[in-house]
Amino acid sequence: MDQRRILLVLRHAETEDVRPGSRDSQRRLTPDGERHAEEVGDYLREQGITVDAVLCSSATRAEQTLELLRLGDQLAPDRVEIAERFYNAGADTLINAVRDLPADCHVALLVGHAPGAPGLVHDMADPDTSAPSAVSAIESRFPATALARLEFDGDWSEIEGGSLISVRIPDATGR
């Protein structure tokens, strides 16, 4: 049985700075953010990546980002966890949630926020087995709509570190 696991870590897309009269968790995506989220979904399809499970913050901007990826019918509703515990979560909380993923999940997507999501990537990326260009890409930034791909061998429950294979950071045009 193949024990290779892929964890995709996506920081939510670009948001409005403030939403008068609303809480931070209710901030919405900007038009550029919406476009960038759609482009990440297109990228996943172009790469032939099929997501088995999703862990997503309950913040409006994270849920909007997830929706705009258009993962659609490939995900069963019981494989999508949208939870407040992922909003403002630290890397440890996120890593523990990843360790709880079901054994039959091979590709998981985490949609979260800084500093937790980039913290998870930094904590889990093994510098000896990671692609130098990927490590370099996240050394000083993990902007909105950044997507990191980590690969692990073994069960989710046992992961300690893995290979950072690639990082997709949109440029000014979103690509």
N, C-alpha and C. Protein backbone atom coordinates (compact mmCIF):
# COMPACT_ATOMS: atom_id res chain seq x y z
N MET A 1 0.84 -1.19 0.00
CA MET A 1 0.00 0.00 0.00
C MET A 1 0.88 1.25 0.00
N ASP A 2 0.54 2.20 -0.84
CA ASP A 2 1.29 3.45 -0.95
C ASP A 2 1.06 4.31 0.28
N GLN A 3 2.12 4.66 0.96
CA GLN A 3 2.02 5.47 2.17
C GLN A 3 2.46 6.91 1.94
N ARG A 4 2.61 7.31 0.67
CA ARG A 4 3.02 8.68 0.36
C ARG A 4 1.86 9.62 0.63
N ARG A 5 2.12 10.68 1.37
CA ARG A 5 1.10 11.68 1.71
C ARG A 5 1.54 13.04 1.16
N ILE A 6 0.57 13.79 0.69
CA ILE A 6 0.82 15.15 0.21
C ILE A 6 -0.04 16.10 1.02
N LEU A 7 0.58 17.12 1.57
CA LEU A 7 -0.13 18.18 2.28
C LEU A 7 0.08 19.48 1.52
N LEU A 8 -1.02 20.06 1.08
CA LEU A 8 -1.00 21.36 0.42
C LEU A 8 -1.41 22.39 1.46
N VAL A 9 -0.58 23.40 1.65
CA VAL A 9 -0.87 24.45 2.62
C VAL A 9 -1.07 25.74 1.85
N LEU A 10 -2.28 26.27 1.95
CA LEU A 10 -2.66 27.47 1.20
C LEU A 10 -3.05 28.58 2.17
N ARG A 11 -2.37 29.71 2.04
CA ARG A 11 -2.81 30.88 2.78
C ARG A 11 -3.96 31.49 2.00
N HIS A 12 -5.00 31.91 2.71
CA HIS A 12 -6.17 32.50 2.05
C HIS A 12 -5.75 33.61 1.09
N ALA A 13 -6.62 33.91 0.15
CA ALA A 13 -6.34 34.95 -0.85
C ALA A 13 -6.45 36.35 -0.23
N GLU A 14 -6.03 37.33 -1.02
CA GLU A 14 -5.99 38.74 -0.60
C GLU A 14 -7.36 39.23 -0.13
N THR A 15 -7.35 39.96 0.99
CA THR A 15 -8.60 40.45 1.58
C THR A 15 -8.64 41.96 1.69
N GLU A 16 -9.84 42.43 1.93
CA GLU A 16 -10.01 43.85 2.23
C GLU A 16 -9.31 44.14 3.54
N ASP A 17 -8.82 45.36 3.71
CA ASP A 17 -8.09 45.72 4.92
C ASP A 17 -8.99 45.70 6.15
N VAL A 18 -10.16 46.29 6.03
CA VAL A 18 -11.12 46.34 7.14
C VAL A 18 -12.52 46.16 6.58
N ARG A 19 -13.40 45.75 7.45
CA ARG A 19 -14.81 45.67 7.11
C ARG A 19 -15.52 46.41 8.23
N PRO A 20 -15.84 47.71 8.00
CA PRO A 20 -16.45 48.52 9.07
C PRO A 20 -17.67 47.81 9.69
N GLY A 21 -17.67 47.81 11.03
CA GLY A 21 -18.78 47.21 11.75
C GLY A 21 -18.73 45.70 11.83
N SER A 22 -17.65 45.10 11.36
CA SER A 22 -17.53 43.64 11.36
C SER A 22 -16.27 43.20 12.09
N ARG A 23 -16.24 41.95 12.45
CA ARG A 23 -15.06 41.36 13.08
C ARG A 23 -14.03 41.00 12.01
N ASP A 24 -12.80 40.81 12.43
CA ASP A 24 -11.73 40.42 11.52
C ASP A 24 -12.09 39.15 10.75
N SER A 25 -12.73 38.21 11.41
CA SER A 25 -13.06 36.94 10.77
C SER A 25 -14.07 37.09 9.64
N GLN A 26 -14.70 38.26 9.54
CA GLN A 26 -15.70 38.50 8.50
C GLN A 26 -15.16 39.25 7.29
N ARG A 27 -13.86 39.56 7.30
CA ARG A 27 -13.29 40.25 6.14
C ARG A 27 -13.42 39.37 4.91
N ARG A 28 -13.67 40.00 3.77
CA ARG A 28 -13.93 39.29 2.52
C ARG A 28 -12.75 39.47 1.56
N LEU A 29 -12.73 38.64 0.53
CA LEU A 29 -11.69 38.74 -0.49
C LEU A 29 -11.90 39.97 -1.36
N THR A 30 -10.79 40.51 -1.84
CA THR A 30 -10.85 41.58 -2.83
C THR A 30 -11.10 40.94 -4.20
N PRO A 31 -11.43 41.73 -5.22
CA PRO A 31 -11.54 41.15 -6.57
C PRO A 31 -10.25 40.45 -7.01
N ASP A 32 -9.09 41.03 -6.69
CA ASP A 32 -7.82 40.36 -7.02
C ASP A 32 -7.69 39.05 -6.25
N GLY A 33 -8.10 39.06 -4.99
CA GLY A 33 -8.06 37.84 -4.19
C GLY A 33 -8.93 36.75 -4.78
N GLU A 34 -10.11 37.12 -5.24
CA GLU A 34 -11.01 36.14 -5.87
C GLU A 34 -10.35 35.54 -7.10
N ARG A 35 -9.74 36.38 -7.91
CA ARG A 35 -9.07 35.90 -9.13
C ARG A 35 -7.91 34.99 -8.79
N HIS A 36 -7.11 35.37 -7.79
CA HIS A 36 -5.96 34.56 -7.40
C HIS A 36 -6.41 33.19 -6.87
N ALA A 37 -7.48 33.15 -6.11
CA ALA A 37 -8.00 31.87 -5.60
C ALA A 37 -8.44 30.98 -6.76
N GLU A 38 -9.13 31.55 -7.73
CA GLU A 38 -9.55 30.78 -8.90
C GLU A 38 -8.33 30.23 -9.64
N GLU A 39 -7.27 31.04 -9.72
CA GLU A 39 -6.05 30.61 -10.41
C GLU A 39 -5.36 29.46 -9.68
N VAL A 40 -5.43 29.44 -8.36
CA VAL A 40 -4.86 28.32 -7.61
C VAL A 40 -5.65 27.05 -7.93
N GLY A 41 -6.98 27.16 -7.99
CA GLY A 41 -7.79 26.00 -8.38
C GLY A 41 -7.42 25.50 -9.76
N ASP A 42 -7.24 26.43 -10.70
CA ASP A 42 -6.82 26.05 -12.06
C ASP A 42 -5.46 25.35 -12.02
N TYR A 43 -4.55 25.88 -11.21
CA TYR A 43 -3.21 25.30 -11.09
C TYR A 43 -3.30 23.86 -10.57
N LEU A 44 -4.12 23.62 -9.56
CA LEU A 44 -4.27 22.26 -9.02
C LEU A 44 -4.78 21.31 -10.09
N ARG A 45 -5.75 21.75 -10.86
CA ARG A 45 -6.27 20.91 -11.94
C ARG A 45 -5.21 20.67 -13.02
N GLU A 46 -4.46 21.72 -13.38
CA GLU A 46 -3.39 21.57 -14.38
C GLU A 46 -2.33 20.58 -13.92
N GLN A 47 -2.08 20.54 -12.62
CA GLN A 47 -1.08 19.64 -12.06
C GLN A 47 -1.63 18.23 -11.84
N GLY A 48 -2.92 18.05 -12.07
CA GLY A 48 -3.56 16.75 -11.87
C GLY A 48 -3.69 16.36 -10.41
N ILE A 49 -3.77 17.35 -9.54
CA ILE A 49 -3.86 17.10 -8.10
C ILE A 49 -5.32 16.98 -7.70
N THR A 50 -5.66 15.85 -7.10
CA THR A 50 -7.00 15.61 -6.58
C THR A 50 -6.92 15.59 -5.06
N VAL A 51 -7.66 16.46 -4.43
CA VAL A 51 -7.64 16.60 -2.98
C VAL A 51 -8.63 15.61 -2.36
N ASP A 52 -8.17 14.89 -1.32
CA ASP A 52 -9.01 13.91 -0.63
C ASP A 52 -9.70 14.49 0.60
N ALA A 53 -9.08 15.48 1.25
CA ALA A 53 -9.64 16.05 2.48
C ALA A 53 -9.19 17.49 2.61
N VAL A 54 -10.03 18.30 3.28
CA VAL A 54 -9.74 19.71 3.47
C VAL A 54 -9.90 20.08 4.95
N LEU A 55 -8.95 20.86 5.44
CA LEU A 55 -9.03 21.51 6.74
C LEU A 55 -9.03 23.00 6.44
N CYS A 56 -10.07 23.72 6.87
CA CYS A 56 -10.21 25.13 6.49
C CYS A 56 -10.69 25.97 7.67
N SER A 57 -10.10 27.12 7.82
CA SER A 57 -10.54 28.10 8.82
C SER A 57 -11.98 28.51 8.52
N SER A 58 -12.70 28.85 9.57
CA SER A 58 -14.08 29.31 9.41
C SER A 58 -14.17 30.79 9.07
N ALA A 59 -13.05 31.49 8.98
CA ALA A 59 -13.08 32.90 8.59
C ALA A 59 -13.64 33.02 7.17
N THR A 60 -14.41 34.05 6.95
CA THR A 60 -15.05 34.26 5.65
C THR A 60 -14.04 34.19 4.51
N ARG A 61 -12.90 34.84 4.66
CA ARG A 61 -11.90 34.88 3.58
C ARG A 61 -11.34 33.50 3.26
N ALA A 62 -11.19 32.64 4.27
CA ALA A 62 -10.70 31.28 4.02
C ALA A 62 -11.77 30.45 3.32
N GLU A 63 -13.02 30.56 3.78
CA GLU A 63 -14.10 29.82 3.15
C GLU A 63 -14.31 30.27 1.70
N GLN A 64 -14.20 31.58 1.45
CA GLN A 64 -14.31 32.08 0.07
C GLN A 64 -13.19 31.52 -0.79
N THR A 65 -11.97 31.51 -0.24
CA THR A 65 -10.83 30.97 -0.99
C THR A 65 -11.10 29.52 -1.36
N LEU A 66 -11.53 28.73 -0.41
CA LEU A 66 -11.82 27.32 -0.66
C LEU A 66 -12.90 27.17 -1.73
N GLU A 67 -13.95 27.93 -1.63
CA GLU A 67 -15.04 27.84 -2.61
C GLU A 67 -14.56 28.16 -4.02
N LEU A 68 -13.71 29.19 -4.14
CA LEU A 68 -13.24 29.62 -5.46
C LEU A 68 -12.23 28.66 -6.09
N LEU A 69 -11.71 27.72 -5.30
CA LEU A 69 -10.83 26.70 -5.88
C LEU A 69 -11.62 25.75 -6.78
N ARG A 70 -12.91 25.70 -6.57
CA ARG A 70 -13.83 24.85 -7.34
C ARG A 70 -13.37 23.38 -7.32
N LEU A 71 -13.17 22.87 -6.12
CA LEU A 71 -12.81 21.46 -5.98
C LEU A 71 -14.03 20.57 -6.21
N GLY A 72 -15.21 21.15 -6.03
CA GLY A 72 -16.47 20.55 -6.39
C GLY A 72 -16.71 19.13 -5.95
N ASP A 73 -17.09 18.32 -6.93
CA ASP A 73 -17.56 16.96 -6.66
C ASP A 73 -16.48 16.00 -6.20
N GLN A 74 -15.21 16.41 -6.28
CA GLN A 74 -14.16 15.48 -5.90
C GLN A 74 -14.11 15.24 -4.39
N LEU A 75 -14.78 16.08 -3.61
CA LEU A 75 -14.73 15.97 -2.16
C LEU A 75 -16.07 15.58 -1.56
N ALA A 76 -16.08 14.57 -0.74
CA ALA A 76 -17.28 14.21 0.01
C ALA A 76 -17.44 15.22 1.15
N PRO A 77 -18.67 15.60 1.49
CA PRO A 77 -18.89 16.59 2.55
C PRO A 77 -18.22 16.21 3.88
N ASP A 78 -18.13 14.92 4.18
CA ASP A 78 -17.51 14.52 5.44
C ASP A 78 -15.99 14.60 5.38
N ARG A 79 -15.44 15.00 4.26
CA ARG A 79 -13.99 15.17 4.10
C ARG A 79 -13.58 16.63 4.11
N VAL A 80 -14.52 17.52 4.42
CA VAL A 80 -14.23 18.95 4.50
C VAL A 80 -14.54 19.41 5.92
N GLU A 81 -13.51 19.84 6.63
CA GLU A 81 -13.71 20.36 7.98
C GLU A 81 -13.44 21.86 7.96
N ILE A 82 -14.49 22.63 8.15
CA ILE A 82 -14.38 24.08 8.27
C ILE A 82 -14.62 24.38 9.75
N ALA A 83 -13.59 24.90 10.41
CA ALA A 83 -13.69 25.03 11.86
C ALA A 83 -13.04 26.31 12.38
N GLU A 84 -13.63 26.83 13.43
CA GLU A 84 -13.09 28.02 14.08
C GLU A 84 -11.72 27.74 14.69
N ARG A 85 -11.47 26.48 15.05
CA ARG A 85 -10.19 26.16 15.67
C ARG A 85 -9.00 26.40 14.74
N PHE A 86 -9.26 26.52 13.42
CA PHE A 86 -8.20 26.79 12.47
C PHE A 86 -7.99 28.29 12.24
N TYR A 87 -8.91 29.11 12.76
CA TYR A 87 -8.79 30.57 12.64
C TYR A 87 -7.83 31.03 13.74
N ASN A 88 -6.79 31.72 13.36
CA ASN A 88 -5.75 32.19 14.29
C ASN A 88 -5.03 31.05 15.00
N ALA A 89 -5.07 29.87 14.42
CA ALA A 89 -4.40 28.71 15.02
C ALA A 89 -2.90 28.81 14.81
N GLY A 90 -2.17 28.33 15.79
CA GLY A 90 -0.73 28.24 15.67
C GLY A 90 -0.34 26.99 14.90
N ALA A 91 0.91 26.90 14.56
CA ALA A 91 1.40 25.76 13.78
C ALA A 91 1.15 24.43 14.50
N ASP A 92 1.30 24.40 15.81
CA ASP A 92 1.10 23.16 16.56
C ASP A 92 -0.32 22.65 16.43
N THR A 93 -1.30 23.54 16.54
CA THR A 93 -2.71 23.16 16.39
C THR A 93 -2.95 22.60 15.00
N LEU A 94 -2.39 23.24 13.99
CA LEU A 94 -2.58 22.79 12.62
C LEU A 94 -1.91 21.45 12.37
N ILE A 95 -0.69 21.27 12.89
CA ILE A 95 0.02 20.00 12.73
C ILE A 95 -0.77 18.87 13.39
N ASN A 96 -1.32 19.13 14.57
CA ASN A 96 -2.11 18.09 15.25
C ASN A 96 -3.36 17.74 14.46
N ALA A 97 -3.99 18.72 13.81
CA ALA A 97 -5.16 18.44 12.97
C ALA A 97 -4.76 17.59 11.77
N VAL A 98 -3.61 17.87 11.19
CA VAL A 98 -3.12 17.07 10.06
C VAL A 98 -2.87 15.63 10.52
N ARG A 99 -2.32 15.48 11.69
CA ARG A 99 -2.05 14.12 12.21
C ARG A 99 -3.33 13.32 12.45
N ASP A 100 -4.47 14.01 12.55
CA ASP A 100 -5.76 13.33 12.75
C ASP A 100 -6.47 13.00 11.44
N LEU A 101 -5.84 13.29 10.30
CA LEU A 101 -6.48 12.98 9.02
C LEU A 101 -6.66 11.47 8.88
N PRO A 102 -7.72 11.05 8.17
CA PRO A 102 -7.97 9.61 8.01
C PRO A 102 -6.86 8.92 7.20
N ALA A 103 -6.65 7.66 7.51
CA ALA A 103 -5.58 6.87 6.88
C ALA A 103 -5.76 6.74 5.37
N ASP A 104 -7.01 6.76 4.89
CA ASP A 104 -7.23 6.60 3.46
C ASP A 104 -7.11 7.91 2.68
N CYS A 105 -6.74 8.98 3.35
CA CYS A 105 -6.50 10.27 2.70
C CYS A 105 -5.04 10.33 2.26
N HIS A 106 -4.83 10.63 0.99
CA HIS A 106 -3.46 10.73 0.47
C HIS A 106 -3.06 12.17 0.17
N VAL A 107 -4.05 13.02 -0.18
CA VAL A 107 -3.77 14.43 -0.50
C VAL A 107 -4.72 15.29 0.33
N ALA A 108 -4.15 16.11 1.21
CA ALA A 108 -4.95 17.00 2.05
C ALA A 108 -4.60 18.45 1.74
N LEU A 109 -5.60 19.29 1.90
CA LEU A 109 -5.44 20.73 1.69
C LEU A 109 -5.79 21.44 2.98
N LEU A 110 -4.90 22.31 3.42
CA LEU A 110 -5.14 23.17 4.57
C LEU A 110 -5.26 24.59 4.07
N VAL A 111 -6.40 25.25 4.36
CA VAL A 111 -6.58 26.65 4.00
C VAL A 111 -6.60 27.44 5.30
N GLY A 112 -5.56 28.27 5.47
CA GLY A 112 -5.43 28.96 6.74
C GLY A 112 -4.87 30.36 6.61
N HIS A 113 -4.28 30.79 7.70
CA HIS A 113 -3.83 32.17 7.87
C HIS A 113 -2.36 32.21 8.30
N ALA A 114 -1.78 33.39 8.19
CA ALA A 114 -0.47 33.64 8.78
C ALA A 114 -0.72 34.11 10.22
N PRO A 115 0.10 33.72 11.13
CA PRO A 115 1.38 33.04 10.97
C PRO A 115 1.29 31.50 11.06
N GLY A 116 0.12 30.94 11.35
CA GLY A 116 0.00 29.50 11.56
C GLY A 116 0.35 28.66 10.36
N ALA A 117 -0.26 28.96 9.20
CA ALA A 117 -0.02 28.15 7.99
C ALA A 117 1.45 28.20 7.56
N PRO A 118 2.06 29.38 7.43
CA PRO A 118 3.48 29.38 7.08
C PRO A 118 4.34 28.76 8.18
N GLY A 119 3.92 28.91 9.42
CA GLY A 119 4.65 28.29 10.52
C GLY A 119 4.68 26.78 10.39
N LEU A 120 3.55 26.19 10.01
CA LEU A 120 3.48 24.75 9.78
C LEU A 120 4.47 24.34 8.69
N VAL A 121 4.47 25.09 7.59
CA VAL A 121 5.38 24.76 6.48
C VAL A 121 6.83 24.83 6.95
N HIS A 122 7.19 25.89 7.65
CA HIS A 122 8.56 26.02 8.14
C HIS A 122 8.92 24.90 9.11
N ASP A 123 7.98 24.57 10.02
CA ASP A 123 8.26 23.53 11.02
C ASP A 123 8.36 22.14 10.41
N MET A 124 7.58 21.86 9.37
CA MET A 124 7.52 20.51 8.81
C MET A 124 8.51 20.26 7.68
N ALA A 125 9.04 21.33 7.08
CA ALA A 125 9.95 21.15 5.93
C ALA A 125 11.33 20.69 6.40
N ASP A 126 11.72 19.51 5.97
CA ASP A 126 13.04 18.96 6.27
C ASP A 126 14.05 19.60 5.32
N PRO A 127 14.98 20.39 5.84
CA PRO A 127 15.92 21.08 4.95
C PRO A 127 16.80 20.14 4.14
N ASP A 128 17.00 18.90 4.62
CA ASP A 128 17.86 17.96 3.91
C ASP A 128 17.19 17.31 2.71
N THR A 129 15.86 17.23 2.72
CA THR A 129 15.15 16.56 1.62
C THR A 129 14.28 17.51 0.80
N SER A 130 14.19 18.77 1.21
CA SER A 130 13.35 19.74 0.51
C SER A 130 14.07 20.35 -0.68
N ALA A 131 13.28 20.77 -1.65
CA ALA A 131 13.84 21.45 -2.82
C ALA A 131 14.40 22.81 -2.40
N PRO A 132 15.67 23.07 -2.67
CA PRO A 132 16.26 24.35 -2.26
C PRO A 132 15.47 25.56 -2.77
N SER A 133 14.95 25.49 -3.98
CA SER A 133 14.18 26.62 -4.52
C SER A 133 12.89 26.84 -3.73
N ALA A 134 12.28 25.77 -3.24
CA ALA A 134 11.06 25.89 -2.45
C ALA A 134 11.36 26.50 -1.08
N VAL A 135 12.43 26.04 -0.47
CA VAL A 135 12.83 26.59 0.83
C VAL A 135 13.15 28.07 0.68
N SER A 136 13.88 28.41 -0.36
CA SER A 136 14.23 29.80 -0.61
C SER A 136 12.99 30.67 -0.82
N ALA A 137 11.98 30.12 -1.48
CA ALA A 137 10.76 30.88 -1.77
C ALA A 137 10.01 31.30 -0.51
N ILE A 138 10.12 30.53 0.55
CA ILE A 138 9.38 30.87 1.77
C ILE A 138 10.24 31.44 2.89
N GLU A 139 11.51 31.63 2.63
CA GLU A 139 12.40 32.12 3.68
C GLU A 139 11.96 33.44 4.27
N SER A 140 11.50 34.34 3.47
CA SER A 140 11.16 35.66 4.00
C SER A 140 9.70 36.04 3.83
N ARG A 141 8.91 35.17 3.16
CA ARG A 141 7.51 35.56 2.96
C ARG A 141 6.65 34.35 2.64
N PHE A 142 5.37 34.50 2.95
CA PHE A 142 4.35 33.52 2.61
C PHE A 142 3.08 34.34 2.41
N PRO A 143 3.01 35.05 1.27
CA PRO A 143 1.93 36.02 1.06
C PRO A 143 0.58 35.35 0.82
N ALA A 144 -0.44 36.18 0.72
CA ALA A 144 -1.78 35.69 0.39
C ALA A 144 -1.71 34.83 -0.86
N THR A 145 -2.42 33.75 -0.86
CA THR A 145 -2.54 32.77 -1.94
C THR A 145 -1.25 31.99 -2.21
N ALA A 146 -0.30 32.02 -1.29
CA ALA A 146 0.87 31.16 -1.42
C ALA A 146 0.42 29.72 -1.16
N LEU A 147 0.94 28.81 -1.96
CA LEU A 147 0.59 27.39 -1.86
C LEU A 147 1.87 26.57 -1.75
N ALA A 148 2.02 25.86 -0.64
CA ALA A 148 3.18 25.00 -0.42
C ALA A 148 2.77 23.54 -0.53
N ARG A 149 3.65 22.75 -1.12
CA ARG A 149 3.41 21.30 -1.25
C ARG A 149 4.47 20.55 -0.45
N LEU A 150 4.01 19.87 0.59
CA LEU A 150 4.87 19.03 1.42
C LEU A 150 4.53 17.57 1.14
N GLU A 151 5.54 16.72 1.11
CA GLU A 151 5.31 15.29 0.92
C GLU A 151 5.94 14.52 2.07
N PHE A 152 5.21 13.49 2.51
CA PHE A 152 5.60 12.67 3.64
C PHE A 152 5.46 11.21 3.29
N ASP A 153 6.22 10.36 3.96
CA ASP A 153 6.04 8.91 3.87
C ASP A 153 5.44 8.45 5.19
N GLY A 154 4.51 7.50 5.12
CA GLY A 154 3.93 6.94 6.33
C GLY A 154 2.55 7.49 6.64
N ASP A 155 2.06 7.13 7.80
CA ASP A 155 0.73 7.56 8.23
C ASP A 155 0.74 9.01 8.69
N TRP A 156 -0.40 9.67 8.50
CA TRP A 156 -0.53 11.05 8.96
C TRP A 156 -0.21 11.15 10.45
N SER A 157 -0.69 10.18 11.21
CA SER A 157 -0.54 10.24 12.67
C SER A 157 0.91 10.25 13.12
N GLU A 158 1.81 9.84 12.24
CA GLU A 158 3.21 9.72 12.62
C GLU A 158 4.13 10.76 11.99
N ILE A 159 3.58 11.67 11.21
CA ILE A 159 4.46 12.61 10.51
C ILE A 159 5.15 13.56 11.47
N GLU A 160 6.40 13.76 11.20
CA GLU A 160 7.22 14.72 11.96
C GLU A 160 7.76 15.80 11.03
N GLY A 161 8.13 15.40 9.84
CA GLY A 161 8.68 16.33 8.87
C GLY A 161 8.63 15.68 7.50
N GLY A 162 8.72 16.51 6.50
CA GLY A 162 8.67 16.00 5.14
C GLY A 162 9.42 16.90 4.19
N SER A 163 9.29 16.58 2.93
CA SER A 163 9.98 17.32 1.88
C SER A 163 9.08 18.44 1.36
N LEU A 164 9.60 19.65 1.39
CA LEU A 164 8.92 20.77 0.76
C LEU A 164 9.27 20.68 -0.72
N ILE A 165 8.30 20.28 -1.53
CA ILE A 165 8.54 20.00 -2.94
C ILE A 165 8.46 21.26 -3.79
N SER A 166 7.45 22.08 -3.52
CA SER A 166 7.27 23.28 -4.34
C SER A 166 6.48 24.32 -3.57
N VAL A 167 6.62 25.56 -4.02
CA VAL A 167 5.86 26.68 -3.48
C VAL A 167 5.41 27.51 -4.66
N ARG A 168 4.12 27.80 -4.68
CA ARG A 168 3.56 28.65 -5.73
C ARG A 168 3.19 29.97 -5.07
N ILE A 169 3.86 31.03 -5.47
CA ILE A 169 3.58 32.38 -4.95
C ILE A 169 3.14 33.23 -6.12
N PRO A 170 1.93 33.79 -6.05
CA PRO A 170 1.48 34.60 -7.18
C PRO A 170 2.30 35.88 -7.31
N ASP A 171 2.56 36.27 -8.55
CA ASP A 171 3.22 37.56 -8.76
C ASP A 171 2.14 38.63 -8.86
N ALA A 172 2.49 39.78 -9.31
CA ALA A 172 1.53 40.89 -9.35
C ALA A 172 0.32 40.57 -10.22
N THR A 173 0.48 39.65 -11.19
CA THR A 173 -0.64 39.31 -12.05
C THR A 173 -1.43 38.11 -11.51
N GLY A 174 -0.94 37.53 -10.38
CA GLY A 174 -1.63 36.40 -9.78
C GLY A 174 -1.02 35.07 -10.15
N ARG A 175 -0.13 35.02 -11.11
CA ARG A 175 0.47 33.75 -11.54
C ARG A 175 1.76 33.47 -10.81
